[in-house]
Each structure stands twice: as C-alpha cells, then as structure tokens.
Amino acid sequence: STCFILAQQIHAFKECFSLYDRQRKGRIEAQELIIVMRCLGSNPTPSEVQRHLLSHGIDRGGELDFSTFLSIMHRQLQQEAPEEEILEAMRMADKEQKGFILASELRAKLTGLGEKLTDKEVDELLKEAGVGADGRVNCEQFAKAVTRSSAKR
C-alpha cells in the first residue's frame, strides 16, 4: 500500500541519516546535509541545500534532527518529482485500493525494520497525519503530512 512505500522510503532515509549521526544524538550536522541527500539519490545544489536550511532556521554550523531532515528530503523530492507523480506511483502500489492502513501496522513497520524510528518520531508523523478514531491512517493524508512539514513557509 501507499503507506508501506512511504514506510520503506522513510527507512532508507533513516538508515542514511544514522550513518552521519556519529554521536548517536539523533542529529546530523548541517554541513553534511548535502552528502546525506545525495546518498539517497537526490541531487540538490549547494544553494538549494542552503535554502532548505534557512527555511528551517538552521545555519551552516547548526544541526538538524530526523523530522527536519525528512521534511527537507520530501520538499527536495517534490521539486525533483512533482506530487502528482508521487501520488500516481503510490496509487499503483495500493493494489487493494483501500487507501488507508492501521496506525498500529504503520508503527510496527516503522519501529520494527532496519534503522528503527523511535516511538517519538512515529508519534510526530502520526500526529501530523491525523489518525482516525478507528486507528486508521489515510495514506494520502500520511503522504501530505510528511510533505506538509516541508511546506511550512
């Protein structure tokens, strides 16, 4: 499903992020952002990276946490591949056309695979996505939530 693609993608992001989180503080140095982004197949110019950092109020000597990194990556990927393409790819993968996933499933996926996300990181994502009373996460809303934190300008 859509959410699983996002979950896989977030894992890849987390894995790469963790390589540069040398002090295991859950943060990377701003000056390494461009390297981490390129390690994930994105292709930002130094001035684009500078703009991303500025939009989050981070200077070159600063650090950023994973959720900030996630929103920067998503904004960059949106520039490189517009939202329509992302949604199209997601719809094709959502074979059952349910368009939602249980928050508990999503949490299990995000905290149980590879470079695990902390519960706090998952909470932040779910809070942004707005989980329904039935514990369902709407895939499009989840996608938007992940990208929305990047669009606050």
N, C-alpha and C. Protein backbone atom coordinates (compact mmCIF):
# COMPACT_ATOMS: atom_id res chain seq x y z
N SER A 1 0.84 -1.20 0.00
CA SER A 1 0.00 0.00 0.00
C SER A 1 0.87 1.24 0.00
N THR A 2 0.22 2.33 -0.25
CA THR A 2 0.87 3.64 -0.27
C THR A 2 1.74 3.85 0.95
N CYS A 3 1.14 3.59 2.11
CA CYS A 3 1.83 3.87 3.37
C CYS A 3 3.08 3.02 3.48
N PHE A 4 3.01 1.78 2.96
CA PHE A 4 4.18 0.92 3.06
C PHE A 4 5.32 1.45 2.20
N ILE A 5 5.00 2.02 1.04
CA ILE A 5 6.05 2.62 0.22
C ILE A 5 6.70 3.73 1.02
N LEU A 6 5.87 4.56 1.62
CA LEU A 6 6.40 5.65 2.43
C LEU A 6 7.23 5.10 3.57
N ALA A 7 6.73 4.03 4.19
CA ALA A 7 7.46 3.44 5.31
C ALA A 7 8.84 2.98 4.86
N GLN A 8 8.88 2.31 3.69
CA GLN A 8 10.17 1.85 3.16
C GLN A 8 11.08 3.03 2.90
N GLN A 9 10.50 4.08 2.32
CA GLN A 9 11.29 5.25 1.96
C GLN A 9 11.85 5.91 3.23
N ILE A 10 10.99 6.02 4.24
CA ILE A 10 11.43 6.64 5.49
C ILE A 10 12.56 5.82 6.11
N HIS A 11 12.46 4.48 5.96
CA HIS A 11 13.55 3.65 6.47
C HIS A 11 14.87 3.90 5.78
N ALA A 12 14.82 4.04 4.47
CA ALA A 12 16.04 4.32 3.73
C ALA A 12 16.62 5.65 4.20
N PHE A 13 15.73 6.64 4.40
CA PHE A 13 16.18 7.95 4.88
C PHE A 13 16.84 7.81 6.24
N LYS A 14 16.20 7.04 7.12
CA LYS A 14 16.69 6.89 8.49
C LYS A 14 18.06 6.20 8.49
N GLU A 15 18.19 5.20 7.63
CA GLU A 15 19.45 4.46 7.58
C GLU A 15 20.61 5.37 7.20
N CYS A 16 20.38 6.17 6.15
CA CYS A 16 21.41 7.06 5.67
C CYS A 16 21.70 8.16 6.71
N PHE A 17 20.64 8.68 7.30
CA PHE A 17 20.75 9.72 8.33
C PHE A 17 21.61 9.20 9.48
N SER A 18 21.36 7.95 9.88
CA SER A 18 22.06 7.37 11.02
C SER A 18 23.55 7.21 10.78
N LEU A 19 23.93 6.98 9.51
CA LEU A 19 25.36 6.87 9.19
C LEU A 19 26.10 8.14 9.57
N TYR A 20 25.41 9.28 9.44
CA TYR A 20 26.07 10.57 9.70
C TYR A 20 25.76 11.11 11.08
N ASP A 21 24.93 10.39 11.82
CA ASP A 21 24.62 10.77 13.20
C ASP A 21 25.69 10.12 14.07
N ARG A 22 26.91 10.61 13.94
CA ARG A 22 28.05 9.91 14.54
C ARG A 22 28.01 9.86 16.06
N GLN A 23 27.38 10.86 16.68
CA GLN A 23 27.34 10.85 18.14
C GLN A 23 26.06 10.22 18.67
N ARG A 24 25.27 9.64 17.74
CA ARG A 24 24.03 8.97 18.14
C ARG A 24 23.13 9.87 18.96
N LYS A 25 23.04 11.14 18.54
CA LYS A 25 22.20 12.09 19.27
C LYS A 25 20.88 12.31 18.53
N GLY A 26 20.71 11.61 17.40
CA GLY A 26 19.51 11.82 16.60
C GLY A 26 19.60 13.10 15.78
N ARG A 27 20.84 13.58 15.57
CA ARG A 27 21.03 14.81 14.79
C ARG A 27 22.23 14.66 13.86
N ILE A 28 22.17 15.38 12.73
CA ILE A 28 23.35 15.43 11.86
C ILE A 28 23.77 16.89 11.70
N GLU A 29 25.00 17.09 11.29
CA GLU A 29 25.49 18.45 11.10
C GLU A 29 24.97 19.02 9.79
N ALA A 30 24.61 20.30 9.82
CA ALA A 30 24.05 20.96 8.64
C ALA A 30 24.98 20.83 7.44
N GLN A 31 26.30 20.90 7.68
CA GLN A 31 27.21 20.88 6.53
C GLN A 31 27.24 19.51 5.85
N GLU A 32 26.71 18.48 6.52
CA GLU A 32 26.71 17.16 5.90
C GLU A 32 25.38 16.85 5.20
N LEU A 33 24.44 17.78 5.32
CA LEU A 33 23.12 17.55 4.72
C LEU A 33 23.21 17.18 3.24
N ILE A 34 24.03 17.90 2.50
CA ILE A 34 24.10 17.66 1.05
C ILE A 34 24.60 16.24 0.75
N ILE A 35 25.53 15.76 1.56
CA ILE A 35 26.07 14.41 1.37
C ILE A 35 24.99 13.38 1.63
N VAL A 36 24.25 13.56 2.73
CA VAL A 36 23.20 12.61 3.09
C VAL A 36 22.11 12.61 2.02
N MET A 37 21.75 13.79 1.53
CA MET A 37 20.71 13.87 0.49
C MET A 37 21.16 13.16 -0.78
N ARG A 38 22.43 13.34 -1.13
CA ARG A 38 22.94 12.69 -2.34
C ARG A 38 23.07 11.20 -2.16
N CYS A 39 23.35 10.78 -0.95
CA CYS A 39 23.45 9.34 -0.68
C CYS A 39 22.09 8.68 -0.89
N LEU A 40 21.01 9.48 -0.85
CA LEU A 40 19.66 8.94 -1.06
C LEU A 40 19.16 9.15 -2.49
N GLY A 41 20.09 9.51 -3.38
CA GLY A 41 19.72 9.63 -4.78
C GLY A 41 19.09 10.95 -5.17
N SER A 42 19.04 11.88 -4.22
CA SER A 42 18.53 13.20 -4.54
C SER A 42 19.71 14.00 -5.08
N ASN A 43 19.43 15.10 -5.78
CA ASN A 43 20.54 15.80 -6.39
C ASN A 43 20.50 17.31 -6.18
N PRO A 44 20.51 17.74 -4.91
CA PRO A 44 20.39 19.18 -4.65
C PRO A 44 21.68 19.94 -4.94
N THR A 45 21.54 21.20 -5.35
CA THR A 45 22.71 22.07 -5.49
C THR A 45 23.02 22.64 -4.10
N PRO A 46 24.26 23.09 -3.90
CA PRO A 46 24.58 23.71 -2.61
C PRO A 46 23.63 24.86 -2.24
N SER A 47 23.18 25.62 -3.24
CA SER A 47 22.30 26.73 -2.89
C SER A 47 20.89 26.25 -2.51
N GLU A 48 20.45 25.14 -3.11
CA GLU A 48 19.17 24.56 -2.69
C GLU A 48 19.26 24.09 -1.24
N VAL A 49 20.35 23.44 -0.91
CA VAL A 49 20.55 22.94 0.45
C VAL A 49 20.55 24.12 1.43
N GLN A 50 21.23 25.17 1.05
CA GLN A 50 21.28 26.39 1.86
C GLN A 50 19.86 26.92 2.11
N ARG A 51 19.05 26.94 1.04
CA ARG A 51 17.68 27.42 1.14
C ARG A 51 16.85 26.56 2.10
N HIS A 52 17.00 25.22 1.97
CA HIS A 52 16.28 24.31 2.87
C HIS A 52 16.64 24.62 4.33
N LEU A 53 17.93 24.78 4.58
CA LEU A 53 18.39 25.03 5.96
C LEU A 53 17.81 26.34 6.47
N LEU A 54 17.89 27.37 5.65
CA LEU A 54 17.37 28.68 6.03
C LEU A 54 15.88 28.63 6.35
N SER A 55 15.13 27.87 5.53
CA SER A 55 13.69 27.82 5.74
C SER A 55 13.35 27.16 7.08
N HIS A 56 14.30 26.41 7.63
CA HIS A 56 14.10 25.79 8.95
C HIS A 56 14.87 26.54 10.04
N GLY A 57 15.42 27.68 9.66
CA GLY A 57 16.15 28.49 10.63
C GLY A 57 17.43 27.85 11.14
N ILE A 58 18.10 27.09 10.29
CA ILE A 58 19.34 26.41 10.69
C ILE A 58 20.51 27.04 9.95
N ASP A 59 21.55 27.43 10.68
CA ASP A 59 22.70 28.00 9.96
C ASP A 59 23.73 26.91 9.66
N ARG A 60 24.74 27.26 8.88
CA ARG A 60 25.70 26.26 8.41
C ARG A 60 26.41 25.49 9.51
N GLY A 61 26.55 26.13 10.67
CA GLY A 61 27.24 25.43 11.75
C GLY A 61 26.28 24.64 12.62
N GLY A 62 24.99 24.67 12.27
CA GLY A 62 23.98 24.04 13.11
C GLY A 62 23.81 22.55 12.87
N GLU A 63 22.77 22.02 13.49
CA GLU A 63 22.45 20.59 13.36
C GLU A 63 20.97 20.47 13.06
N LEU A 64 20.59 19.32 12.50
CA LEU A 64 19.17 19.10 12.30
C LEU A 64 18.76 17.71 12.75
N ASP A 65 17.53 17.59 13.23
CA ASP A 65 17.05 16.28 13.68
C ASP A 65 16.38 15.55 12.52
N PHE A 66 15.95 14.31 12.79
CA PHE A 66 15.43 13.48 11.71
C PHE A 66 14.15 14.03 11.09
N SER A 67 13.25 14.58 11.92
CA SER A 67 11.99 15.04 11.30
C SER A 67 12.22 16.25 10.41
N THR A 68 13.19 17.10 10.78
CA THR A 68 13.55 18.23 9.92
C THR A 68 14.16 17.69 8.62
N PHE A 69 15.05 16.71 8.76
CA PHE A 69 15.68 16.10 7.60
C PHE A 69 14.63 15.50 6.67
N LEU A 70 13.65 14.81 7.27
CA LEU A 70 12.58 14.18 6.50
C LEU A 70 11.82 15.22 5.69
N SER A 71 11.50 16.34 6.31
CA SER A 71 10.72 17.34 5.59
C SER A 71 11.56 17.99 4.49
N ILE A 72 12.85 18.18 4.75
CA ILE A 72 13.74 18.73 3.72
C ILE A 72 13.84 17.77 2.53
N MET A 73 14.02 16.47 2.83
CA MET A 73 14.11 15.46 1.77
C MET A 73 12.84 15.46 0.92
N HIS A 74 11.69 15.52 1.60
CA HIS A 74 10.44 15.48 0.86
C HIS A 74 10.24 16.71 -0.01
N ARG A 75 10.63 17.86 0.52
CA ARG A 75 10.48 19.06 -0.30
C ARG A 75 11.38 18.95 -1.53
N GLN A 76 12.60 18.46 -1.31
CA GLN A 76 13.54 18.31 -2.42
C GLN A 76 13.00 17.32 -3.45
N LEU A 77 12.49 16.19 -2.98
CA LEU A 77 11.99 15.18 -3.92
C LEU A 77 10.77 15.69 -4.67
N GLN A 78 9.98 16.53 -4.01
CA GLN A 78 8.83 17.11 -4.70
C GLN A 78 9.28 18.03 -5.82
N GLN A 79 10.36 18.77 -5.56
CA GLN A 79 10.90 19.64 -6.60
C GLN A 79 11.38 18.78 -7.77
N GLU A 80 11.99 17.63 -7.43
CA GLU A 80 12.55 16.78 -8.46
C GLU A 80 11.48 15.93 -9.14
N ALA A 81 10.43 15.55 -8.39
CA ALA A 81 9.31 14.79 -8.94
C ALA A 81 8.03 15.34 -8.33
N PRO A 82 7.25 16.06 -9.10
CA PRO A 82 6.04 16.70 -8.57
C PRO A 82 5.10 15.72 -7.86
N GLU A 83 4.31 16.28 -6.96
CA GLU A 83 3.43 15.48 -6.11
C GLU A 83 2.56 14.51 -6.91
N GLU A 84 2.06 14.95 -8.06
CA GLU A 84 1.21 14.09 -8.87
C GLU A 84 1.90 12.76 -9.17
N GLU A 85 3.19 12.83 -9.54
CA GLU A 85 3.92 11.60 -9.86
C GLU A 85 4.03 10.71 -8.64
N ILE A 86 4.30 11.35 -7.50
CA ILE A 86 4.43 10.59 -6.26
C ILE A 86 3.11 9.87 -5.97
N LEU A 87 2.01 10.64 -6.03
CA LEU A 87 0.70 10.05 -5.74
C LEU A 87 0.35 8.95 -6.73
N GLU A 88 0.70 9.17 -7.99
CA GLU A 88 0.43 8.17 -9.03
C GLU A 88 1.15 6.87 -8.71
N ALA A 89 2.43 6.98 -8.37
CA ALA A 89 3.22 5.80 -8.02
C ALA A 89 2.61 5.09 -6.82
N MET A 90 2.12 5.91 -5.87
CA MET A 90 1.54 5.34 -4.67
C MET A 90 0.23 4.62 -4.99
N ARG A 91 -0.59 5.25 -5.85
CA ARG A 91 -1.87 4.62 -6.21
C ARG A 91 -1.65 3.28 -6.90
N MET A 92 -0.62 3.23 -7.76
CA MET A 92 -0.34 1.98 -8.46
C MET A 92 0.06 0.88 -7.48
N ALA A 93 0.70 1.28 -6.40
CA ALA A 93 1.18 0.28 -5.44
C ALA A 93 0.08 -0.15 -4.47
N ASP A 94 -0.96 0.68 -4.34
CA ASP A 94 -2.04 0.39 -3.41
C ASP A 94 -3.02 -0.57 -4.08
N LYS A 95 -2.57 -1.82 -4.25
CA LYS A 95 -3.31 -2.81 -5.03
C LYS A 95 -4.76 -2.99 -4.53
N GLU A 96 -4.93 -3.03 -3.23
CA GLU A 96 -6.27 -3.28 -2.70
C GLU A 96 -7.13 -2.03 -2.73
N GLN A 97 -6.53 -0.91 -3.13
CA GLN A 97 -7.27 0.35 -3.24
C GLN A 97 -7.96 0.74 -1.94
N LYS A 98 -7.38 0.33 -0.82
CA LYS A 98 -8.02 0.67 0.45
C LYS A 98 -7.77 2.13 0.78
N GLY A 99 -6.56 2.58 0.49
CA GLY A 99 -6.24 3.98 0.75
C GLY A 99 -6.02 4.30 2.21
N PHE A 100 -5.99 3.27 3.06
CA PHE A 100 -5.66 3.55 4.45
C PHE A 100 -4.92 2.36 5.03
N ILE A 101 -4.35 2.56 6.19
CA ILE A 101 -3.61 1.50 6.88
C ILE A 101 -3.81 1.75 8.37
N LEU A 102 -3.78 0.71 9.17
CA LEU A 102 -3.94 0.90 10.61
C LEU A 102 -2.68 1.54 11.19
N ALA A 103 -2.89 2.51 12.06
CA ALA A 103 -1.76 3.19 12.69
C ALA A 103 -0.84 2.17 13.36
N SER A 104 -1.45 1.15 13.97
CA SER A 104 -0.64 0.13 14.65
C SER A 104 0.26 -0.63 13.67
N GLU A 105 -0.27 -0.91 12.47
CA GLU A 105 0.53 -1.58 11.44
C GLU A 105 1.70 -0.69 11.02
N LEU A 106 1.36 0.57 10.80
CA LEU A 106 2.36 1.52 10.34
C LEU A 106 3.46 1.67 11.39
N ARG A 107 3.04 1.79 12.65
CA ARG A 107 4.01 1.91 13.74
C ARG A 107 4.91 0.68 13.79
N ALA A 108 4.30 -0.49 13.67
CA ALA A 108 5.09 -1.74 13.72
C ALA A 108 6.13 -1.74 12.61
N LYS A 109 5.70 -1.26 11.44
CA LYS A 109 6.59 -1.25 10.29
C LYS A 109 7.74 -0.25 10.49
N LEU A 110 7.39 0.92 11.02
CA LEU A 110 8.41 1.97 11.15
C LEU A 110 9.36 1.73 12.32
N THR A 111 8.87 1.07 13.37
CA THR A 111 9.74 0.88 14.54
C THR A 111 10.40 -0.49 14.52
N GLY A 112 9.99 -1.37 13.60
CA GLY A 112 10.49 -2.73 13.64
C GLY A 112 11.46 -3.13 12.55
N LEU A 113 11.72 -2.24 11.60
CA LEU A 113 12.55 -2.62 10.46
C LEU A 113 13.88 -1.90 10.47
N GLY A 114 14.90 -2.53 9.93
CA GLY A 114 16.18 -1.86 9.67
C GLY A 114 16.56 -0.81 10.69
N GLU A 115 16.82 0.40 10.22
CA GLU A 115 17.13 1.52 11.11
C GLU A 115 15.81 1.96 11.72
N LYS A 116 15.55 1.52 12.93
CA LYS A 116 14.25 1.78 13.53
C LYS A 116 14.02 3.26 13.82
N LEU A 117 12.77 3.68 13.65
CA LEU A 117 12.38 5.01 14.11
C LEU A 117 11.99 4.87 15.58
N THR A 118 12.21 5.90 16.36
CA THR A 118 11.78 5.85 17.75
C THR A 118 10.27 6.05 17.78
N ASP A 119 9.65 5.63 18.89
CA ASP A 119 8.22 5.83 19.03
C ASP A 119 7.88 7.31 18.94
N LYS A 120 8.78 8.15 19.47
CA LYS A 120 8.53 9.59 19.45
C LYS A 120 8.48 10.10 18.00
N GLU A 121 9.40 9.60 17.16
CA GLU A 121 9.43 10.01 15.75
C GLU A 121 8.14 9.56 15.04
N VAL A 122 7.69 8.34 15.36
CA VAL A 122 6.46 7.84 14.76
C VAL A 122 5.26 8.66 15.26
N ASP A 123 5.25 8.96 16.57
CA ASP A 123 4.17 9.79 17.13
C ASP A 123 4.05 11.10 16.37
N GLU A 124 5.20 11.73 16.11
CA GLU A 124 5.19 13.01 15.41
C GLU A 124 4.56 12.87 14.03
N LEU A 125 4.96 11.82 13.30
CA LEU A 125 4.40 11.60 11.97
C LEU A 125 2.90 11.34 12.03
N LEU A 126 2.48 10.51 12.99
CA LEU A 126 1.06 10.17 13.09
C LEU A 126 0.24 11.38 13.52
N LYS A 127 0.83 12.20 14.40
CA LYS A 127 0.11 13.39 14.85
C LYS A 127 -0.13 14.31 13.65
N GLU A 128 0.92 14.47 12.82
CA GLU A 128 0.79 15.29 11.62
C GLU A 128 -0.27 14.72 10.68
N ALA A 129 -0.33 13.39 10.57
CA ALA A 129 -1.23 12.74 9.60
C ALA A 129 -2.66 12.73 10.10
N GLY A 130 -2.87 12.87 11.42
CA GLY A 130 -4.21 12.84 11.97
C GLY A 130 -4.83 11.46 11.82
N VAL A 131 -4.64 10.62 12.85
CA VAL A 131 -5.16 9.26 12.80
C VAL A 131 -6.64 9.29 13.17
N GLY A 132 -7.45 8.55 12.41
CA GLY A 132 -8.89 8.49 12.68
C GLY A 132 -9.18 7.78 13.99
N ALA A 133 -10.42 7.92 14.45
CA ALA A 133 -10.83 7.31 15.72
C ALA A 133 -10.69 5.79 15.66
N ASP A 134 -10.84 5.24 14.45
CA ASP A 134 -10.73 3.79 14.29
C ASP A 134 -9.27 3.35 14.16
N GLY A 135 -8.35 4.30 14.36
CA GLY A 135 -6.93 3.95 14.29
C GLY A 135 -6.42 3.81 12.88
N ARG A 136 -7.21 4.33 11.91
CA ARG A 136 -6.75 4.24 10.52
C ARG A 136 -5.98 5.49 10.13
N VAL A 137 -4.94 5.28 9.35
CA VAL A 137 -4.18 6.39 8.79
C VAL A 137 -4.52 6.43 7.31
N ASN A 138 -5.02 7.56 6.84
CA ASN A 138 -5.31 7.71 5.43
C ASN A 138 -3.99 7.91 4.70
N CYS A 139 -3.73 7.08 3.69
CA CYS A 139 -2.43 7.11 3.01
C CYS A 139 -2.12 8.47 2.40
N GLU A 140 -3.13 9.08 1.73
CA GLU A 140 -2.86 10.37 1.12
C GLU A 140 -2.56 11.41 2.18
N GLN A 141 -3.30 11.31 3.30
CA GLN A 141 -3.04 12.27 4.37
C GLN A 141 -1.66 12.06 4.98
N PHE A 142 -1.27 10.79 5.07
CA PHE A 142 0.05 10.48 5.61
C PHE A 142 1.12 11.06 4.68
N ALA A 143 0.91 10.87 3.37
CA ALA A 143 1.85 11.42 2.39
C ALA A 143 1.90 12.94 2.52
N LYS A 144 0.72 13.55 2.65
CA LYS A 144 0.66 15.01 2.78
C LYS A 144 1.32 15.47 4.07
N ALA A 145 1.10 14.71 5.14
CA ALA A 145 1.66 15.10 6.44
C ALA A 145 3.18 15.12 6.36
N VAL A 146 3.73 14.09 5.73
CA VAL A 146 5.17 14.02 5.61
C VAL A 146 5.67 15.17 4.75
N THR A 147 4.89 15.53 3.72
CA THR A 147 5.33 16.63 2.87
C THR A 147 4.92 17.98 3.44
N ARG A 148 3.83 18.01 4.26
CA ARG A 148 3.35 19.29 4.77
C ARG A 148 4.39 19.95 5.68
N SER A 149 5.00 19.12 6.54
CA SER A 149 6.00 19.71 7.43
C SER A 149 7.10 20.37 6.61
N SER A 150 7.23 19.96 5.33
CA SER A 150 8.25 20.57 4.49
C SER A 150 7.72 21.81 3.78
N ALA A 151 6.41 21.99 3.80
CA ALA A 151 5.85 23.10 3.03
C ALA A 151 5.55 24.32 3.89
N LYS A 152 5.78 24.20 5.21
CA LYS A 152 5.54 25.35 6.09
C LYS A 152 6.52 26.45 5.76
N ARG A 153 6.03 27.47 5.12
CA ARG A 153 6.94 28.54 4.68
C ARG A 153 6.29 29.87 4.94
